[in-house]
Amino acid sequence: MWRYKSPIGNIYIKRLSDGSYGMEHNGTVWEACDTPETEADNVYMQCTGCSDWDSLDTRKINVPRDLSEWEKI
């Protein structure tokens, strides 16, 4: 599991029961991808389905560009 401490709270990428990787925020899994790298890219590109994140103005914050910049927990 990986964590990004974002301005909207913790965002996690975690492995789901079906083997895919999901983006979780506030207890809701917003989407799932085949790899955690793809999921991290979707968070960076703000195309997750989570309106709190996708609509956030990220120009002045440090958003992880790829999974290597997430905290592995």
C-alpha atoms as a PDB file:
ATOM      1  CA  MET A   1       0.000   0.000   0.000  1.00  0.00           C
ATOM      2  CA  TRP A   2       1.156   3.550  -0.764  1.00  0.00           C
ATOM      3  CA  ARG A   3       0.102   6.861   0.765  1.00  0.00           C
ATOM      4  CA  TYR A   4       0.135  10.449  -0.438  1.00  0.00           C
ATOM      5  CA  LYS A   5      -0.588  13.099   2.199  1.00  0.00           C
ATOM      6  CA  SER A   6      -2.617  15.415  -0.018  1.00  0.00           C
ATOM      7  CA  PRO A   7      -4.354  18.707   0.779  1.00  0.00           C
ATOM      8  CA  ILE A   8      -7.693  16.832   0.876  1.00  0.00           C
ATOM      9  CA  GLY A   9      -6.336  14.195   3.275  1.00  0.00           C
ATOM     10  CA  ASN A  10      -4.589  10.885   2.816  1.00  0.00           C
ATOM     11  CA  ILE A  11      -4.932   9.197  -0.551  1.00  0.00           C
ATOM     12  CA  TYR A  12      -3.990   5.533  -0.721  1.00  0.00           C
ATOM     13  CA  ILE A  13      -3.194   3.146  -3.517  1.00  0.00           C
ATOM     14  CA  LYS A  14      -3.916  -0.367  -2.363  1.00  0.00           C
ATOM     15  CA  ARG A  15      -4.309  -3.818  -3.784  1.00  0.00           C
ATOM     16  CA  LEU A  16      -7.935  -4.878  -4.016  1.00  0.00           C
ATOM     17  CA  SER A  17      -9.390  -8.360  -3.548  1.00  0.00           C
ATOM     18  CA  ASP A  18      -9.622  -8.901  -7.322  1.00  0.00           C
ATOM     19  CA  GLY A  19      -5.883  -8.190  -7.756  1.00  0.00           C
ATOM     20  CA  SER A  20      -6.291  -4.693  -9.204  1.00  0.00           C
ATOM     21  CA  TYR A  21      -5.056  -1.528  -7.484  1.00  0.00           C
ATOM     22  CA  GLY A  22      -7.457   1.126  -6.274  1.00  0.00           C
ATOM     23  CA  MET A  23      -7.266   4.761  -5.246  1.00  0.00           C
ATOM     24  CA  GLU A  24      -8.892   5.171  -1.837  1.00  0.00           C
ATOM     25  CA  HIS A  25      -9.862   8.433  -0.150  1.00  0.00           C
ATOM     26  CA  ASN A  26     -12.058   8.726   2.953  1.00  0.00           C
ATOM     27  CA  GLY A  27     -12.872   5.014   2.883  1.00  0.00           C
ATOM     28  CA  THR A  28     -14.102   4.992  -0.721  1.00  0.00           C
ATOM     29  CA  VAL A  29     -12.272   3.269  -3.555  1.00  0.00           C
ATOM     30  CA  TRP A  30     -12.769   5.610  -6.496  1.00  0.00           C
ATOM     31  CA  GLU A  31     -11.338   3.562  -9.296  1.00  0.00           C
ATOM     32  CA  ALA A  32      -9.129   0.574  -9.996  1.00  0.00           C
ATOM     33  CA  CYS A  33      -6.291  -0.124 -12.434  1.00  0.00           C
ATOM     34  CA  ASP A  34      -4.161  -3.118 -13.339  1.00  0.00           C
ATOM     35  CA  THR A  35      -0.988  -1.686 -11.772  1.00  0.00           C
ATOM     36  CA  PRO A  36      -0.189   0.694  -8.913  1.00  0.00           C
ATOM     37  CA  GLU A  37       1.929   2.736 -11.338  1.00  0.00           C
ATOM     38  CA  THR A  38      -1.102   3.383 -13.538  1.00  0.00           C
ATOM     39  CA  GLU A  39      -3.135   4.348 -10.491  1.00  0.00           C
ATOM     40  CA  ALA A  40      -0.441   6.808  -9.368  1.00  0.00           C
ATOM     41  CA  ASP A  41      -0.447   8.329 -12.852  1.00  0.00           C
ATOM     42  CA  ASN A  42      -4.229   8.769 -12.711  1.00  0.00           C
ATOM     43  CA  VAL A  43      -3.880  10.603  -9.397  1.00  0.00           C
ATOM     44  CA  TYR A  44      -1.183  12.843 -10.885  1.00  0.00           C
ATOM     45  CA  MET A  45      -3.327  13.538 -13.960  1.00  0.00           C
ATOM     46  CA  GLN A  46      -6.422  14.094 -11.752  1.00  0.00           C
ATOM     47  CA  CYS A  47      -8.588  11.564 -13.560  1.00  0.00           C
ATOM     48  CA  THR A  48      -9.719   9.389 -10.647  1.00  0.00           C
ATOM     49  CA  GLY A  49     -13.458  10.017 -10.396  1.00  0.00           C
ATOM     50  CA  CYS A  50     -13.007  11.586  -6.940  1.00  0.00           C
ATOM     51  CA  SER A  51     -14.302  15.134  -7.439  1.00  0.00           C
ATOM     52  CA  ASP A  52     -12.547  16.416  -4.297  1.00  0.00           C
ATOM     53  CA  TRP A  53      -9.230  15.491  -5.886  1.00  0.00           C
ATOM     54  CA  ASP A  54      -9.924  15.858  -9.599  1.00  0.00           C
ATOM     55  CA  SER A  55     -11.221  19.432  -9.236  1.00  0.00           C
ATOM     56  CA  LEU A  56      -8.449  20.623  -6.883  1.00  0.00           C
ATOM     57  CA  ASP A  57      -6.120  23.339  -8.207  1.00  0.00           C
ATOM     58  CA  THR A  58      -2.765  21.547  -7.930  1.00  0.00           C
ATOM     59  CA  ARG A  59      -0.575  24.223  -9.524  1.00  0.00           C
ATOM     60  CA  LYS A  60       0.899  25.278  -6.171  1.00  0.00           C
ATOM     61  CA  ILE A  61       1.268  21.884  -4.467  1.00  0.00           C
ATOM     62  CA  ASN A  62       3.756  19.072  -4.899  1.00  0.00           C
ATOM     63  CA  VAL A  63       1.816  16.168  -6.403  1.00  0.00           C
ATOM     64  CA  PRO A  64       3.799  12.918  -6.791  1.00  0.00           C
ATOM     65  CA  ARG A  65       4.663  12.440 -10.466  1.00  0.00           C
ATOM     66  CA  ASP A  66       4.904   8.655 -10.172  1.00  0.00           C
ATOM     67  CA  LEU A  67       4.667   5.833  -7.659  1.00  0.00           C
ATOM     68  CA  SER A  68       8.299   6.238  -6.559  1.00  0.00           C
ATOM     69  CA  GLU A  69       7.318   9.549  -4.926  1.00  0.00           C
ATOM     70  CA  TRP A  70       4.547   7.953  -2.837  1.00  0.00           C
ATOM     71  CA  GLU A  71       5.193   6.720   0.710  1.00  0.00           C
ATOM     72  CA  LYS A  72       5.184   2.920   0.817  1.00  0.00           C
ATOM     73  CA  ILE A  73       3.483   1.737   4.015  1.00  0.00           C
END
